[in-house]
Structure formats: structure tokens, C-alpha cells
Amino acid sequence: MRVSTYIKAGVLLLFSACTINAQDSINITRQDTLKKITKKKIVYTKTEPRSSWGVSVMYGENGFGLTGTIYSSIGRTSDLFFSLSFSGVSDANEVEYVDYYGNVYISNKAYRVFSIPLSFGLKKYVFHDDIEGNLKPFFTIGVAPTLLLSTPFDKNYFKAFGYTQADFAVGPFAGIGMEYIETQSMGLSINLRYYYLPVISDGVSSLKDKPITNVGGVQLSFGFNFQH
């Protein structure tokens, strides 16, 4: 009987030891798993805002104007864009005079000329991975077919549009610029471009008997871009 009792006691002790050892192994495994989960890095993907559309005020060799632009992303650092602008065109030889009574006039002024270019091209961000922060430099290239409207200068400003003559110009442009991302939904943009826009016909002139052959030139614009 004593031997049988000792055997039973030994079996119970052995079973208890195995059970405790198994529980310890499970606890160690759980702790290792928790440590691995804790040490695992969580990577967040940052979505950068991209321009969707924008408005800007431009100033060039022909005066002031307004521009509206639509952007379409085609890559991580590239956008296609379409811009419609409106501005006046003047001859480099135009000189304003003021008479004794304070009236302003331009000698030999024959027509008021307006330019409506439809620019489309590529906008490429440069040094994208080298510059941190909200500044994003870029360059642009494209083509700008342009509608030119001429109205008689000797007629009332609005009535003169009833005598409008249409002409066309077309040519390339290139430029550089900088964007500053103000918020996730809006940014500021400054852009310097050079347009070469030779006039297709010979009928465009601001001064009498002095045709304008190129309505392009250097253009500086400042505006707001709205992000998505």
C-alpha cells in the first residue's frame, strides 16, 4: 500500500510540475509576442496636397490681366494644366499725354487690343525630395494659342465691341515658379514665364500704321491655388 501511495503521489507531483512548466511557457510566449507587437513600427503614409485649380493676377509687358487655371495630376511630381487668361495689349511706343484740362490721350492710338490666350502644358516640381517644408519650386513648359480682339479707339469703350476684329497668335512658353502650401486646402503661387506669341495675320495694331508682330513677352503672376 505504501508503495502504491508513493507512486500516486509521485505521479501527481510530476503532473503538477508539467502543468506549471506549460503555463510558464505560455506566459513567456505571450510576453514575447507582446514585446514584438510593441516594438513593431507603425508607418503612416502622408498624402501631400496637390493643386486642383487656381486664380491669379498677372503683369507683363502688355499690362495687367487675370488668369484661371485647372490642374490634373499625372504623376508624383507632374501636373498637366490648362489656363485661360485675359489682358490688354499695348504697343511699346505708346505714350500717354495729359493736356491743360487734365484729359489723358495717346497720340496715334487706333485700336484697343485684348489678348485671350488658352495655355496648356506641363508643370514639373523639382527638388521634391531634397526640400522639406511648405516650399515647392517648379518649372512649366507649354503652348498658348491666343485669340486677339481689336476694337476702335475712337468709339465708346463698350459700343466699340460691336466693331470687333479677331486675329490669332500661337507659340510656346516656359517658366519657373514657387508654391507655398499655406494649408491643406490652399496655397500661394508666384510664376515667371516668357511667352513667344507671333501674330499669324498682319491686322493687329494698337497705333496707327504700326502692326504688332508678337504679343508675348515676360509675364509675372501671383495667385492662389486650391488644393485637393
Protein backbone atom coordinates (compact mmCIF):
# COMPACT_ATOMS: atom_id res chain seq x y z
CA MET A 1 0.00 0.00 0.00
CA ARG A 2 2.77 2.42 0.86
CA VAL A 3 4.47 1.82 -2.50
CA SER A 4 1.22 2.42 -4.31
CA THR A 5 0.65 5.59 -2.31
CA TYR A 6 4.17 6.83 -3.09
CA ILE A 7 3.68 6.12 -6.80
CA LYS A 8 0.41 8.06 -6.86
CA ALA A 9 2.00 10.96 -5.03
CA GLY A 10 4.93 10.97 -7.45
CA VAL A 11 2.61 10.96 -10.47
CA LEU A 12 0.64 13.91 -9.01
CA LEU A 13 3.82 15.87 -8.34
CA LEU A 14 5.11 15.18 -11.85
CA PHE A 15 1.80 16.21 -13.40
CA SER A 16 1.72 19.41 -11.32
CA ALA A 17 5.28 20.28 -12.36
CA CYS A 18 4.47 19.73 -16.05
CA THR A 19 1.34 21.88 -15.74
CA ILE A 20 3.24 24.72 -14.07
CA ASN A 21 6.03 24.48 -16.67
CA ALA A 22 3.50 24.59 -19.53
CA GLN A 23 1.79 27.64 -18.04
CA ASP A 24 5.15 29.38 -17.66
CA SER A 25 5.97 28.62 -21.30
CA ILE A 26 2.63 30.05 -22.42
CA ASN A 27 3.19 33.21 -20.34
CA ILE A 28 6.70 33.66 -21.77
CA THR A 29 5.38 33.19 -25.32
CA ARG A 30 2.65 35.76 -24.69
CA GLN A 31 5.16 38.24 -23.29
CA ASP A 32 7.49 37.77 -26.29
CA THR A 33 4.55 38.29 -28.65
CA LEU A 34 3.55 41.50 -26.82
CA LYS A 35 7.14 42.75 -26.98
CA LYS A 36 7.27 42.11 -30.74
CA ILE A 37 3.98 43.91 -31.26
CA THR A 38 5.17 46.82 -29.09
CA LYS A 39 8.47 47.10 -30.98
CA LYS A 40 6.77 46.97 -34.39
CA LYS A 41 6.82 50.39 -36.05
CA ILE A 42 3.62 51.91 -37.36
CA VAL A 43 4.23 53.74 -40.66
CA TYR A 44 1.83 56.45 -41.73
CA THR A 45 1.61 57.46 -45.36
CA LYS A 46 1.50 61.24 -45.75
CA THR A 47 -0.74 62.50 -48.52
CA GLU A 48 0.61 65.73 -49.98
CA PRO A 49 -1.89 68.33 -51.19
CA ARG A 50 -1.92 68.94 -54.94
CA SER A 51 -3.33 71.90 -56.80
CA SER A 52 -6.77 71.41 -58.30
CA TRP A 53 -7.49 74.91 -59.62
CA GLY A 54 -6.29 78.45 -59.10
CA VAL A 55 -6.75 82.14 -59.87
CA SER A 56 -4.01 84.73 -60.30
CA VAL A 57 -3.25 88.31 -61.24
CA MET A 58 -0.57 88.75 -63.88
CA TYR A 59 1.57 91.63 -65.00
CA GLY A 60 3.56 91.65 -68.22
CA GLU A 61 4.92 93.85 -70.94
CA ASN A 62 1.35 94.46 -72.11
CA GLY A 63 -0.11 95.37 -68.71
CA PHE A 64 -2.29 93.65 -66.11
CA GLY A 65 -4.60 90.67 -66.54
CA LEU A 66 -6.42 87.80 -64.86
CA THR A 67 -5.87 84.06 -65.17
CA GLY A 68 -7.82 80.94 -64.18
CA THR A 69 -6.11 77.53 -64.17
CA ILE A 70 -7.20 73.89 -63.84
CA TYR A 71 -4.66 71.20 -62.86
CA SER A 72 -4.67 67.44 -63.40
CA SER A 73 -2.10 65.24 -61.67
CA ILE A 74 -0.29 62.74 -63.94
CA GLY A 75 2.45 61.66 -61.54
CA ARG A 76 4.08 62.13 -58.17
CA THR A 77 5.75 65.38 -59.26
CA SER A 78 3.97 66.27 -62.51
CA ASP A 79 0.72 68.04 -63.42
CA LEU A 80 -1.00 68.92 -66.65
CA PHE A 81 -2.64 72.35 -66.60
CA PHE A 82 -5.00 74.47 -68.67
CA SER A 83 -5.10 78.26 -68.22
CA LEU A 84 -7.41 80.89 -69.66
CA SER A 85 -6.22 84.50 -69.38
CA PHE A 86 -7.49 87.94 -70.30
CA SER A 87 -5.35 91.07 -70.63
CA GLY A 88 -4.84 94.15 -72.74
CA VAL A 89 -2.14 94.54 -75.40
CA SER A 90 -0.27 97.78 -75.98
CA ASP A 91 2.47 98.93 -78.30
CA ALA A 92 5.86 99.61 -76.73
CA ASN A 93 5.82 103.06 -78.39
CA GLU A 94 2.58 104.18 -76.78
CA VAL A 95 2.96 107.34 -74.72
CA GLU A 96 0.22 108.93 -72.65
CA TYR A 97 -0.13 112.70 -72.70
CA VAL A 98 -2.10 114.95 -70.37
CA ASP A 99 -3.47 118.21 -71.76
CA TYR A 100 -4.04 121.50 -69.95
CA TYR A 101 -7.50 120.38 -68.79
CA GLY A 102 -6.33 117.05 -67.34
CA ASN A 103 -7.51 114.88 -70.24
CA VAL A 104 -5.34 111.83 -70.99
CA TYR A 105 -4.77 110.82 -74.59
CA ILE A 106 -2.39 108.65 -76.61
CA SER A 107 -1.02 110.00 -79.85
CA ASN A 108 -1.85 107.92 -82.96
CA LYS A 109 -3.83 105.40 -80.90
CA ALA A 110 -6.02 103.45 -83.34
CA TYR A 111 -7.29 100.30 -81.57
CA ARG A 112 -7.73 98.77 -78.17
CA VAL A 113 -6.29 95.26 -78.37
CA PHE A 114 -7.20 92.43 -75.97
CA SER A 115 -5.43 89.09 -75.61
CA ILE A 116 -7.16 85.83 -74.57
CA PRO A 117 -4.58 83.01 -74.51
CA LEU A 118 -5.52 79.41 -73.77
CA SER A 119 -2.34 77.96 -72.31
CA PHE A 120 -1.85 74.25 -71.80
CA GLY A 121 1.30 72.49 -70.72
CA LEU A 122 3.28 70.55 -68.12
CA LYS A 123 4.11 71.62 -64.57
CA LYS A 124 7.03 69.74 -63.03
CA TYR A 125 8.04 70.02 -59.36
CA VAL A 126 11.82 69.95 -58.83
CA PHE A 127 13.95 69.06 -55.77
CA HIS A 128 10.84 67.35 -54.41
CA ASP A 129 12.76 65.02 -52.07
CA ASP A 130 15.51 67.49 -51.20
CA ILE A 131 13.48 70.41 -49.87
CA GLU A 132 11.44 69.88 -46.72
CA GLY A 133 8.63 72.16 -45.64
CA ASN A 134 5.95 74.04 -47.50
CA LEU A 135 8.00 75.47 -50.39
CA LYS A 136 7.69 73.66 -53.72
CA PRO A 137 9.72 75.01 -56.70
CA PHE A 138 8.66 74.04 -60.21
CA PHE A 139 9.05 74.79 -63.89
CA THR A 140 6.46 74.92 -66.67
CA ILE A 141 6.51 74.46 -70.44
CA GLY A 142 3.67 74.53 -72.94
CA VAL A 143 1.88 76.12 -75.88
CA ALA A 144 -0.53 79.06 -75.90
CA PRO A 145 -2.93 79.54 -78.84
CA THR A 146 -4.25 83.09 -78.43
CA LEU A 147 -7.33 84.97 -79.57
CA LEU A 148 -6.77 88.69 -80.22
CA LEU A 149 -9.64 91.17 -80.25
CA SER A 150 -9.27 94.71 -81.63
CA THR A 151 -11.85 97.48 -81.09
CA PRO A 152 -11.76 101.05 -82.47
CA PHE A 153 -10.22 103.51 -80.01
CA ASP A 154 -12.26 106.45 -81.30
CA LYS A 155 -15.55 104.87 -80.21
CA ASN A 156 -17.12 104.41 -76.79
CA TYR A 157 -15.45 101.60 -74.83
CA PHE A 158 -18.44 99.24 -74.76
CA LYS A 159 -20.01 100.26 -78.08
CA ALA A 160 -16.67 99.61 -79.77
CA PHE A 161 -17.11 95.86 -79.19
CA GLY A 162 -19.74 95.97 -81.94
CA TYR A 163 -16.86 96.62 -84.37
CA THR A 164 -14.51 93.93 -83.02
CA GLN A 165 -11.92 92.36 -85.30
CA ALA A 166 -10.48 88.94 -84.43
CA ASP A 167 -6.95 87.70 -85.05
CA PHE A 168 -4.83 84.87 -83.77
CA ALA A 169 -1.38 84.15 -82.39
CA VAL A 170 0.25 80.93 -81.24
CA GLY A 171 3.58 79.95 -79.74
CA PRO A 172 5.45 78.25 -76.87
CA PHE A 173 6.18 79.41 -73.34
CA ALA A 174 8.44 78.36 -70.49
CA GLY A 175 8.75 79.48 -66.90
CA ILE A 176 9.79 78.88 -63.32
CA GLY A 177 7.89 79.38 -60.10
CA MET A 178 7.37 78.60 -56.45
CA GLU A 179 4.40 77.39 -54.42
CA TYR A 180 3.92 77.91 -50.70
CA ILE A 181 1.44 75.48 -49.14
CA GLU A 182 -0.44 77.59 -46.61
CA THR A 183 -2.96 74.92 -45.53
CA GLN A 184 -4.18 71.53 -46.73
CA SER A 185 -6.75 73.31 -48.90
CA MET A 186 -4.97 76.45 -50.15
CA GLY A 187 -1.56 77.63 -51.31
CA LEU A 188 0.16 80.70 -52.72
CA SER A 189 1.93 80.69 -56.07
CA ILE A 190 4.33 83.00 -57.90
CA ASN A 191 5.26 82.33 -61.51
CA LEU A 192 7.62 83.94 -64.01
CA ARG A 193 7.16 82.97 -67.68
CA TYR A 194 8.30 84.02 -71.11
CA TYR A 195 5.82 83.73 -73.99
CA TYR A 196 6.73 83.84 -77.65
CA LEU A 197 3.44 84.53 -79.47
CA PRO A 198 3.90 85.66 -83.07
CA VAL A 199 0.74 87.03 -84.68
CA ILE A 200 -0.47 84.86 -87.56
CA SER A 201 -2.05 87.74 -89.53
CA ASP A 202 -0.88 91.32 -90.17
CA GLY A 203 -4.04 93.02 -89.00
CA VAL A 204 -3.22 93.65 -85.32
CA SER A 205 -2.13 97.16 -84.36
CA SER A 206 -2.55 99.45 -81.42
CA LEU A 207 -1.02 102.54 -83.02
CA LYS A 208 -1.91 103.72 -86.50
CA ASP A 209 0.15 102.03 -89.26
CA LYS A 210 2.33 100.15 -86.72
CA PRO A 211 1.44 96.44 -86.73
CA ILE A 212 2.19 94.28 -83.70
CA THR A 213 4.05 91.09 -84.66
CA ASN A 214 4.48 89.45 -81.23
CA VAL A 215 2.02 89.66 -78.31
CA GLY A 216 4.16 87.60 -75.96
CA GLY A 217 6.93 88.66 -73.60
CA VAL A 218 7.83 88.30 -69.92
CA GLN A 219 4.92 87.74 -67.57
CA LEU A 220 4.86 87.68 -63.76
CA SER A 221 1.84 86.25 -61.96
CA PHE A 222 0.82 85.93 -58.32
CA GLY A 223 -2.19 83.92 -57.21
CA PHE A 224 -3.97 81.40 -55.03
CA ASN A 225 -4.13 77.67 -55.68
CA PHE A 226 -6.81 75.50 -54.12
CA GLN A 227 -5.71 72.00 -53.16
CA HIS A 228 -7.37 68.61 -53.06
